[in-house]
């Protein structure tokens, strides 16, 4: 890919866009490859600066109240881990940023398979990216359900 792709009338060719966004290293460097490389480096740094391990999750900045949440998340990860067989993945990091606990699980070795849980007080938001439609639909179906605390 050229350093400066041709832009005519504020437009780029479809070929240029496909090249820039390709996730295939054989296609040459592109924005997608750059983002994947940066995410891998961030994950490596997160693991390196972790100050503790909770049931297999690398963690840092965690407060006491977070430990049971991270442990519960990891209990589910570890219970289902045998289903991945020899496929790599499931590395988990957990960190606190002010009032928010962040838990990230890499379902595979690429950034196309990530599950992020953001817990703030009594609210949890799950963000999931995946190239496998069946798994994506499963997580979407989970997001349609409401969890009740049992109080009115």
N, C-alpha and C. Protein backbone atom coordinates (compact mmCIF):
# COMPACT_ATOMS: atom_id res chain seq x y z
N UNK A 1 0.85 -1.16 0.00
CA UNK A 1 0.00 0.00 0.00
C UNK A 1 0.90 1.23 0.00
N UNK A 2 0.55 2.23 -0.80
CA UNK A 2 1.31 3.48 -0.84
C UNK A 2 1.15 4.23 0.46
N UNK A 3 2.16 5.06 0.78
CA UNK A 3 2.07 5.87 1.99
C UNK A 3 0.90 6.85 1.90
N UNK A 4 0.63 7.35 0.73
CA UNK A 4 -0.48 8.29 0.52
C UNK A 4 -1.36 7.75 -0.60
N UNK A 5 -2.46 7.11 -0.25
CA UNK A 5 -3.34 6.58 -1.30
C UNK A 5 -3.99 7.73 -2.06
N UNK A 6 -4.29 7.50 -3.32
CA UNK A 6 -4.93 8.56 -4.11
C UNK A 6 -6.33 8.88 -3.58
N UNK A 7 -6.58 10.16 -3.38
CA UNK A 7 -7.90 10.65 -2.95
C UNK A 7 -8.36 11.64 -4.00
N UNK A 8 -9.46 11.30 -4.65
CA UNK A 8 -9.99 12.14 -5.72
C UNK A 8 -11.40 12.56 -5.33
N UNK A 9 -11.64 13.87 -5.30
CA UNK A 9 -12.95 14.41 -4.89
C UNK A 9 -13.38 13.85 -3.53
N UNK A 10 -12.45 13.83 -2.59
CA UNK A 10 -12.70 13.33 -1.24
C UNK A 10 -13.13 11.87 -1.21
N UNK A 11 -12.71 11.11 -2.20
CA UNK A 11 -13.10 9.70 -2.30
C UNK A 11 -11.85 8.83 -2.44
N UNK A 12 -11.91 7.62 -1.86
CA UNK A 12 -10.87 6.60 -2.03
C UNK A 12 -11.50 5.42 -2.76
N UNK A 13 -10.67 4.71 -3.46
CA UNK A 13 -11.18 3.53 -4.17
C UNK A 13 -11.51 2.43 -3.16
N UNK A 14 -12.39 1.54 -3.57
CA UNK A 14 -12.73 0.39 -2.74
C UNK A 14 -11.51 -0.47 -2.47
N UNK A 15 -10.64 -0.59 -3.46
CA UNK A 15 -9.41 -1.37 -3.31
C UNK A 15 -8.51 -0.78 -2.22
N UNK A 16 -8.42 0.55 -2.19
CA UNK A 16 -7.60 1.22 -1.18
C UNK A 16 -8.19 1.00 0.21
N UNK A 17 -9.50 1.13 0.33
CA UNK A 17 -10.16 0.92 1.63
C UNK A 17 -9.98 -0.53 2.08
N UNK A 18 -10.15 -1.48 1.17
CA UNK A 18 -9.98 -2.90 1.50
C UNK A 18 -8.55 -3.17 1.95
N UNK A 19 -7.58 -2.58 1.30
CA UNK A 19 -6.18 -2.76 1.65
C UNK A 19 -5.89 -2.18 3.03
N UNK A 20 -6.43 -0.99 3.30
CA UNK A 20 -6.18 -0.33 4.59
C UNK A 20 -6.80 -1.08 5.75
N UNK A 21 -7.94 -1.71 5.54
CA UNK A 21 -8.67 -2.34 6.62
C UNK A 21 -8.50 -3.85 6.68
N UNK A 22 -7.69 -4.41 5.81
CA UNK A 22 -7.50 -5.85 5.78
C UNK A 22 -6.89 -6.35 7.09
N UNK A 23 -7.37 -7.47 7.55
CA UNK A 23 -6.81 -8.11 8.73
C UNK A 23 -5.83 -9.20 8.38
N UNK A 24 -5.41 -9.25 7.14
CA UNK A 24 -4.49 -10.28 6.68
C UNK A 24 -3.09 -9.69 6.52
N UNK A 25 -2.13 -10.13 7.34
CA UNK A 25 -0.78 -9.59 7.25
C UNK A 25 -0.17 -9.74 5.85
N UNK A 26 -0.56 -10.78 5.10
CA UNK A 26 -0.02 -10.97 3.76
C UNK A 26 -0.43 -9.84 2.82
N UNK A 27 -1.52 -9.14 3.15
CA UNK A 27 -1.98 -8.02 2.33
C UNK A 27 -1.16 -6.76 2.58
N UNK A 28 -0.23 -6.83 3.52
CA UNK A 28 0.58 -5.66 3.86
C UNK A 28 0.03 -4.97 5.08
N UNK A 29 0.78 -4.02 5.57
CA UNK A 29 0.34 -3.26 6.75
C UNK A 29 -0.90 -2.45 6.42
N UNK A 30 -1.77 -2.35 7.38
CA UNK A 30 -2.98 -1.55 7.24
C UNK A 30 -3.45 -1.13 8.61
N UNK A 31 -4.51 -0.37 8.66
CA UNK A 31 -5.02 0.11 9.94
C UNK A 31 -5.45 -1.03 10.86
N UNK A 32 -6.09 -2.04 10.29
CA UNK A 32 -6.56 -3.16 11.10
C UNK A 32 -5.37 -3.90 11.73
N UNK A 33 -4.32 -4.15 10.95
CA UNK A 33 -3.13 -4.83 11.47
C UNK A 33 -2.48 -3.98 12.55
N UNK A 34 -2.40 -2.66 12.33
CA UNK A 34 -1.82 -1.77 13.32
C UNK A 34 -2.60 -1.84 14.63
N UNK A 35 -3.93 -1.80 14.56
CA UNK A 35 -4.76 -1.87 15.76
C UNK A 35 -4.57 -3.21 16.46
N UNK A 36 -4.51 -4.30 15.70
CA UNK A 36 -4.30 -5.62 16.30
C UNK A 36 -2.94 -5.67 17.00
N UNK A 37 -1.91 -5.15 16.36
CA UNK A 37 -0.58 -5.14 16.97
C UNK A 37 -0.54 -4.29 18.23
N UNK A 38 -1.18 -3.13 18.20
CA UNK A 38 -1.22 -2.26 19.38
C UNK A 38 -1.98 -2.93 20.53
N UNK A 39 -3.09 -3.59 20.22
CA UNK A 39 -3.86 -4.28 21.26
C UNK A 39 -3.05 -5.41 21.87
N UNK A 40 -2.32 -6.17 21.06
CA UNK A 40 -1.48 -7.25 21.60
C UNK A 40 -0.42 -6.68 22.53
N UNK A 41 0.16 -5.55 22.14
CA UNK A 41 1.18 -4.93 22.99
C UNK A 41 0.57 -4.41 24.29
N UNK A 42 -0.60 -3.82 24.22
CA UNK A 42 -1.28 -3.36 25.44
C UNK A 42 -1.60 -4.54 26.36
N UNK A 43 -2.06 -5.65 25.80
CA UNK A 43 -2.34 -6.84 26.60
C UNK A 43 -1.07 -7.36 27.27
N UNK A 44 0.05 -7.35 26.53
CA UNK A 44 1.32 -7.80 27.08
C UNK A 44 1.74 -6.90 28.24
N UNK A 45 1.61 -5.58 28.04
CA UNK A 45 1.98 -4.63 29.10
C UNK A 45 1.08 -4.79 30.32
N UNK A 46 -0.22 -4.98 30.10
CA UNK A 46 -1.15 -5.19 31.22
C UNK A 46 -0.74 -6.41 32.03
N UNK A 47 -0.39 -7.48 31.34
CA UNK A 47 0.02 -8.70 32.02
C UNK A 47 1.33 -8.47 32.79
N UNK A 48 2.23 -7.71 32.20
CA UNK A 48 3.53 -7.45 32.81
C UNK A 48 3.42 -6.60 34.08
N UNK A 49 2.49 -5.65 34.10
CA UNK A 49 2.39 -4.77 35.26
C UNK A 49 1.41 -5.28 36.31
N UNK A 50 0.83 -6.45 36.06
CA UNK A 50 -0.12 -6.98 37.04
C UNK A 50 0.57 -7.18 38.38
N UNK A 51 -0.16 -6.93 39.42
CA UNK A 51 0.38 -7.04 40.77
C UNK A 51 -0.12 -8.28 41.49
N UNK A 52 -1.12 -8.93 40.92
CA UNK A 52 -1.63 -10.15 41.53
C UNK A 52 -2.34 -11.00 40.49
N UNK A 53 -2.60 -12.24 40.86
CA UNK A 53 -3.36 -13.15 40.01
C UNK A 53 -4.57 -13.62 40.80
N UNK A 54 -5.74 -13.54 40.18
CA UNK A 54 -6.98 -13.98 40.83
C UNK A 54 -7.58 -15.10 39.99
N UNK A 55 -7.47 -16.32 40.47
CA UNK A 55 -8.03 -17.49 39.78
C UNK A 55 -7.57 -17.58 38.32
N UNK A 56 -6.37 -17.07 38.03
CA UNK A 56 -5.82 -17.13 36.67
C UNK A 56 -5.87 -15.80 35.94
N UNK A 57 -6.59 -14.82 36.44
CA UNK A 57 -6.66 -13.49 35.80
C UNK A 57 -5.51 -12.63 36.31
N UNK A 58 -4.80 -11.99 35.41
CA UNK A 58 -3.77 -11.02 35.79
C UNK A 58 -4.50 -9.75 36.20
N UNK A 59 -4.18 -9.21 37.38
CA UNK A 59 -4.92 -8.07 37.89
C UNK A 59 -4.00 -7.01 38.47
N UNK A 60 -4.47 -5.77 38.41
CA UNK A 60 -3.77 -4.66 39.06
C UNK A 60 -4.75 -3.56 39.41
N UNK A 61 -4.43 -2.85 40.49
CA UNK A 61 -5.29 -1.76 40.93
C UNK A 61 -6.61 -2.22 41.51
N UNK A 62 -6.71 -3.50 41.82
CA UNK A 62 -7.95 -4.09 42.28
C UNK A 62 -8.16 -3.76 43.76
N UNK A 63 -9.40 -3.46 44.13
CA UNK A 63 -9.74 -3.27 45.54
C UNK A 63 -10.38 -4.56 46.06
N UNK A 64 -10.50 -4.67 47.36
CA UNK A 64 -11.01 -5.90 47.97
C UNK A 64 -12.36 -6.32 47.40
N UNK A 65 -13.26 -5.37 47.20
CA UNK A 65 -14.60 -5.69 46.69
C UNK A 65 -14.57 -6.28 45.28
N UNK A 66 -13.51 -6.01 44.52
CA UNK A 66 -13.40 -6.52 43.14
C UNK A 66 -13.02 -7.99 43.10
N UNK A 67 -12.29 -8.45 44.10
CA UNK A 67 -11.72 -9.79 44.05
C UNK A 67 -12.79 -10.88 43.88
N UNK A 68 -13.92 -10.75 44.58
CA UNK A 68 -14.97 -11.78 44.44
C UNK A 68 -15.61 -11.73 43.06
N UNK A 69 -15.72 -10.54 42.45
CA UNK A 69 -16.29 -10.42 41.11
C UNK A 69 -15.35 -11.04 40.07
N UNK A 70 -14.06 -10.75 40.19
CA UNK A 70 -13.09 -11.32 39.26
C UNK A 70 -13.03 -12.83 39.44
N UNK A 71 -13.04 -13.29 40.70
CA UNK A 71 -13.02 -14.74 40.97
C UNK A 71 -14.25 -15.43 40.38
N UNK A 72 -15.42 -14.81 40.50
CA UNK A 72 -16.65 -15.41 39.94
C UNK A 72 -16.56 -15.48 38.42
N UNK A 73 -16.06 -14.41 37.79
CA UNK A 73 -15.90 -14.41 36.34
C UNK A 73 -14.96 -15.54 35.93
N UNK A 74 -13.83 -15.65 36.65
CA UNK A 74 -12.84 -16.68 36.31
C UNK A 74 -13.35 -18.09 36.57
N UNK A 75 -14.25 -18.23 37.54
CA UNK A 75 -14.84 -19.55 37.80
C UNK A 75 -15.58 -20.03 36.54
N UNK A 76 -16.33 -19.12 35.91
CA UNK A 76 -17.01 -19.47 34.67
C UNK A 76 -16.05 -19.74 33.53
N UNK A 77 -15.03 -18.91 33.40
CA UNK A 77 -14.01 -19.13 32.36
C UNK A 77 -13.35 -20.48 32.55
N UNK A 78 -12.92 -20.76 33.77
CA UNK A 78 -12.21 -22.01 34.03
C UNK A 78 -13.11 -23.24 33.90
N UNK A 79 -14.40 -23.08 34.21
CA UNK A 79 -15.33 -24.20 34.08
C UNK A 79 -15.53 -24.59 32.61
N UNK A 80 -15.52 -23.59 31.73
CA UNK A 80 -15.76 -23.87 30.30
C UNK A 80 -14.47 -24.01 29.50
N UNK A 81 -13.31 -23.73 30.10
CA UNK A 81 -12.04 -23.78 29.38
C UNK A 81 -11.77 -25.10 28.65
N UNK A 82 -12.13 -26.26 29.22
CA UNK A 82 -11.87 -27.51 28.50
C UNK A 82 -12.58 -27.59 27.14
N UNK A 83 -13.64 -26.80 26.95
CA UNK A 83 -14.37 -26.84 25.69
C UNK A 83 -13.58 -26.22 24.53
N UNK A 84 -12.53 -25.49 24.83
CA UNK A 84 -11.74 -24.87 23.77
C UNK A 84 -10.72 -25.86 23.18
N UNK A 85 -10.58 -27.02 23.82
CA UNK A 85 -9.63 -28.05 23.41
C UNK A 85 -8.24 -27.45 23.32
N UNK A 86 -7.57 -27.55 22.19
CA UNK A 86 -6.20 -27.04 22.06
C UNK A 86 -6.16 -25.62 21.51
N UNK A 87 -7.32 -25.01 21.29
CA UNK A 87 -7.36 -23.65 20.74
C UNK A 87 -6.80 -22.67 21.77
N UNK A 88 -5.90 -21.77 21.34
CA UNK A 88 -5.36 -20.80 22.29
C UNK A 88 -6.41 -19.76 22.68
N UNK A 89 -6.19 -19.11 23.78
CA UNK A 89 -7.10 -18.04 24.20
C UNK A 89 -7.48 -18.12 25.65
N UNK A 90 -8.38 -17.27 26.05
CA UNK A 90 -8.95 -17.16 27.38
C UNK A 90 -8.07 -16.40 28.37
N UNK A 91 -7.03 -15.73 27.90
CA UNK A 91 -6.23 -14.90 28.80
C UNK A 91 -7.13 -13.78 29.33
N UNK A 92 -7.06 -13.53 30.64
CA UNK A 92 -7.93 -12.55 31.27
C UNK A 92 -7.11 -11.55 32.06
N UNK A 93 -7.48 -10.28 31.92
CA UNK A 93 -6.89 -9.23 32.74
C UNK A 93 -8.02 -8.48 33.42
N UNK A 94 -7.72 -7.97 34.62
CA UNK A 94 -8.70 -7.19 35.38
C UNK A 94 -7.99 -5.98 35.96
N UNK A 95 -8.65 -4.84 35.90
CA UNK A 95 -8.05 -3.61 36.43
C UNK A 95 -9.13 -2.67 36.92
N UNK A 96 -8.77 -1.84 37.84
CA UNK A 96 -9.69 -0.81 38.34
C UNK A 96 -9.22 0.52 37.81
N UNK A 97 -10.18 1.31 37.35
CA UNK A 97 -9.95 2.69 36.93
C UNK A 97 -10.98 3.54 37.65
N UNK A 98 -10.55 4.20 38.69
CA UNK A 98 -11.43 5.01 39.54
C UNK A 98 -12.59 4.17 40.05
N UNK A 99 -13.82 4.44 39.62
CA UNK A 99 -15.01 3.73 40.13
C UNK A 99 -15.39 2.53 39.28
N UNK A 100 -14.56 2.18 38.31
CA UNK A 100 -14.93 1.13 37.36
C UNK A 100 -13.96 -0.04 37.39
N UNK A 101 -14.52 -1.25 37.45
CA UNK A 101 -13.75 -2.48 37.32
C UNK A 101 -13.86 -2.92 35.87
N UNK A 102 -12.73 -3.20 35.24
CA UNK A 102 -12.70 -3.68 33.86
C UNK A 102 -12.13 -5.10 33.84
N UNK A 103 -12.86 -6.00 33.21
CA UNK A 103 -12.39 -7.38 33.04
C UNK A 103 -12.39 -7.66 31.54
N UNK A 104 -11.23 -8.06 31.02
CA UNK A 104 -11.13 -8.37 29.59
C UNK A 104 -10.69 -9.81 29.43
N UNK A 105 -11.41 -10.53 28.59
CA UNK A 105 -11.06 -11.91 28.28
C UNK A 105 -10.87 -12.03 26.78
N UNK A 106 -9.70 -12.53 26.40
CA UNK A 106 -9.41 -12.75 24.99
C UNK A 106 -9.84 -14.17 24.65
N UNK A 107 -10.95 -14.27 23.94
CA UNK A 107 -11.51 -15.58 23.60
C UNK A 107 -10.60 -16.35 22.66
N UNK A 108 -9.79 -15.65 21.91
CA UNK A 108 -8.83 -16.26 21.00
C UNK A 108 -7.54 -15.47 21.03
N UNK A 109 -6.73 -15.63 20.01
CA UNK A 109 -5.45 -14.94 19.99
C UNK A 109 -5.49 -13.66 19.16
N UNK A 110 -6.64 -13.36 18.57
CA UNK A 110 -6.76 -12.12 17.81
C UNK A 110 -7.72 -11.19 18.52
N UNK A 111 -7.66 -9.92 18.18
CA UNK A 111 -8.53 -8.94 18.81
C UNK A 111 -9.94 -9.00 18.25
N UNK A 112 -10.19 -9.93 17.35
CA UNK A 112 -11.54 -10.11 16.81
C UNK A 112 -12.40 -10.95 17.74
N UNK A 113 -11.81 -11.46 18.82
CA UNK A 113 -12.52 -12.32 19.76
C UNK A 113 -12.27 -11.84 21.18
N UNK A 114 -12.93 -10.79 21.58
CA UNK A 114 -12.70 -10.19 22.89
C UNK A 114 -14.03 -9.99 23.61
N UNK A 115 -14.01 -10.25 24.91
CA UNK A 115 -15.15 -9.98 25.77
C UNK A 115 -14.67 -9.02 26.85
N UNK A 116 -15.33 -7.88 26.99
CA UNK A 116 -14.97 -6.88 27.99
C UNK A 116 -16.17 -6.65 28.88
N UNK A 117 -15.95 -6.73 30.19
CA UNK A 117 -17.00 -6.45 31.17
C UNK A 117 -16.59 -5.20 31.94
N UNK A 118 -17.48 -4.22 31.96
CA UNK A 118 -17.24 -2.96 32.66
C UNK A 118 -18.26 -2.86 33.79
N UNK A 119 -17.75 -2.93 35.04
CA UNK A 119 -18.62 -2.94 36.22
C UNK A 119 -18.46 -1.61 36.95
N UNK A 120 -19.56 -0.90 37.09
CA UNK A 120 -19.59 0.35 37.85
C UNK A 120 -20.72 0.26 38.85
N UNK A 121 -20.38 0.25 40.12
CA UNK A 121 -21.35 0.12 41.20
C UNK A 121 -22.22 -1.12 40.97
N UNK A 122 -23.51 -0.96 40.67
CA UNK A 122 -24.40 -2.12 40.49
C UNK A 122 -24.72 -2.38 39.02
N UNK A 123 -23.95 -1.80 38.13
CA UNK A 123 -24.20 -1.94 36.69
C UNK A 123 -23.04 -2.66 36.02
N UNK A 124 -23.37 -3.56 35.09
CA UNK A 124 -22.34 -4.25 34.31
C UNK A 124 -22.70 -4.14 32.83
N UNK A 125 -21.72 -3.72 32.04
CA UNK A 125 -21.91 -3.62 30.59
C UNK A 125 -20.91 -4.56 29.93
N UNK A 126 -21.42 -5.42 29.04
CA UNK A 126 -20.58 -6.37 28.35
C UNK A 126 -20.42 -5.91 26.90
N UNK A 127 -19.17 -5.82 26.47
CA UNK A 127 -18.86 -5.51 25.08
C UNK A 127 -18.16 -6.73 24.51
N UNK A 128 -18.63 -7.17 23.35
CA UNK A 128 -18.10 -8.40 22.77
C UNK A 128 -17.87 -8.22 21.29
N UNK A 129 -16.71 -8.63 20.82
CA UNK A 129 -16.45 -8.65 19.38
C UNK A 129 -16.11 -10.08 18.99
N UNK A 130 -16.62 -10.49 17.85
CA UNK A 130 -16.39 -11.86 17.42
C UNK A 130 -16.66 -11.99 15.92
N UNK A 131 -15.91 -12.85 15.27
CA UNK A 131 -16.16 -13.11 13.85
C UNK A 131 -17.06 -14.32 13.67
N UNK A 132 -17.35 -15.06 14.75
CA UNK A 132 -18.20 -16.24 14.66
C UNK A 132 -19.64 -15.86 14.98
N UNK A 133 -20.49 -15.93 14.00
CA UNK A 133 -21.88 -15.50 14.12
C UNK A 133 -22.62 -16.24 15.24
N UNK A 134 -22.42 -17.55 15.38
CA UNK A 134 -23.13 -18.31 16.39
C UNK A 134 -22.79 -17.81 17.80
N UNK A 135 -21.52 -17.55 18.07
CA UNK A 135 -21.12 -17.07 19.39
C UNK A 135 -21.62 -15.64 19.60
N UNK A 136 -21.57 -14.82 18.56
CA UNK A 136 -22.07 -13.45 18.65
C UNK A 136 -23.56 -13.44 18.99
N UNK A 137 -24.32 -14.30 18.31
CA UNK A 137 -25.77 -14.38 18.59
C UNK A 137 -26.04 -14.85 20.02
N UNK A 138 -25.21 -15.77 20.51
CA UNK A 138 -25.36 -16.22 21.89
C UNK A 138 -25.21 -15.05 22.85
N UNK A 139 -24.16 -14.26 22.68
CA UNK A 139 -23.94 -13.12 23.58
C UNK A 139 -25.02 -12.05 23.40
N UNK A 140 -25.50 -11.88 22.18
CA UNK A 140 -26.60 -10.93 21.97
C UNK A 140 -27.85 -11.40 22.70
N UNK A 141 -28.12 -12.69 22.67
CA UNK A 141 -29.31 -13.20 23.36
C UNK A 141 -29.18 -13.00 24.87
N UNK A 142 -27.97 -13.09 25.39
CA UNK A 142 -27.76 -12.84 26.83
C UNK A 142 -28.03 -11.39 27.17
N UNK A 143 -27.71 -10.49 26.26
CA UNK A 143 -27.89 -9.07 26.55
C UNK A 143 -29.36 -8.68 26.56
N UNK A 144 -30.21 -9.50 26.00
CA UNK A 144 -31.65 -9.20 25.98
C UNK A 144 -32.31 -9.54 27.31
N UNK A 145 -31.63 -10.34 28.13
CA UNK A 145 -32.19 -10.76 29.41
C UNK A 145 -31.89 -9.72 30.48
N UNK A 146 -32.78 -9.55 31.39
CA UNK A 146 -32.57 -8.66 32.53
C UNK A 146 -32.33 -9.51 33.77
N UNK A 147 -31.32 -9.14 34.53
CA UNK A 147 -31.04 -9.86 35.78
C UNK A 147 -31.72 -9.09 36.90
N UNK A 148 -32.51 -9.78 37.69
CA UNK A 148 -33.22 -9.14 38.79
C UNK A 148 -32.49 -9.46 40.10
N UNK A 149 -32.40 -8.46 40.96
CA UNK A 149 -31.77 -8.65 42.27
C UNK A 149 -32.71 -9.30 43.27
N UNK A 150 -33.96 -9.46 42.89
CA UNK A 150 -34.94 -10.06 43.76
C UNK A 150 -35.61 -9.07 44.71
N UNK A 151 -35.30 -7.78 44.53
CA UNK A 151 -35.93 -6.77 45.37
C UNK A 151 -36.89 -5.97 44.53
N UNK A 152 -37.87 -5.35 45.16
CA UNK A 152 -38.84 -4.54 44.43
C UNK A 152 -38.55 -3.08 44.61
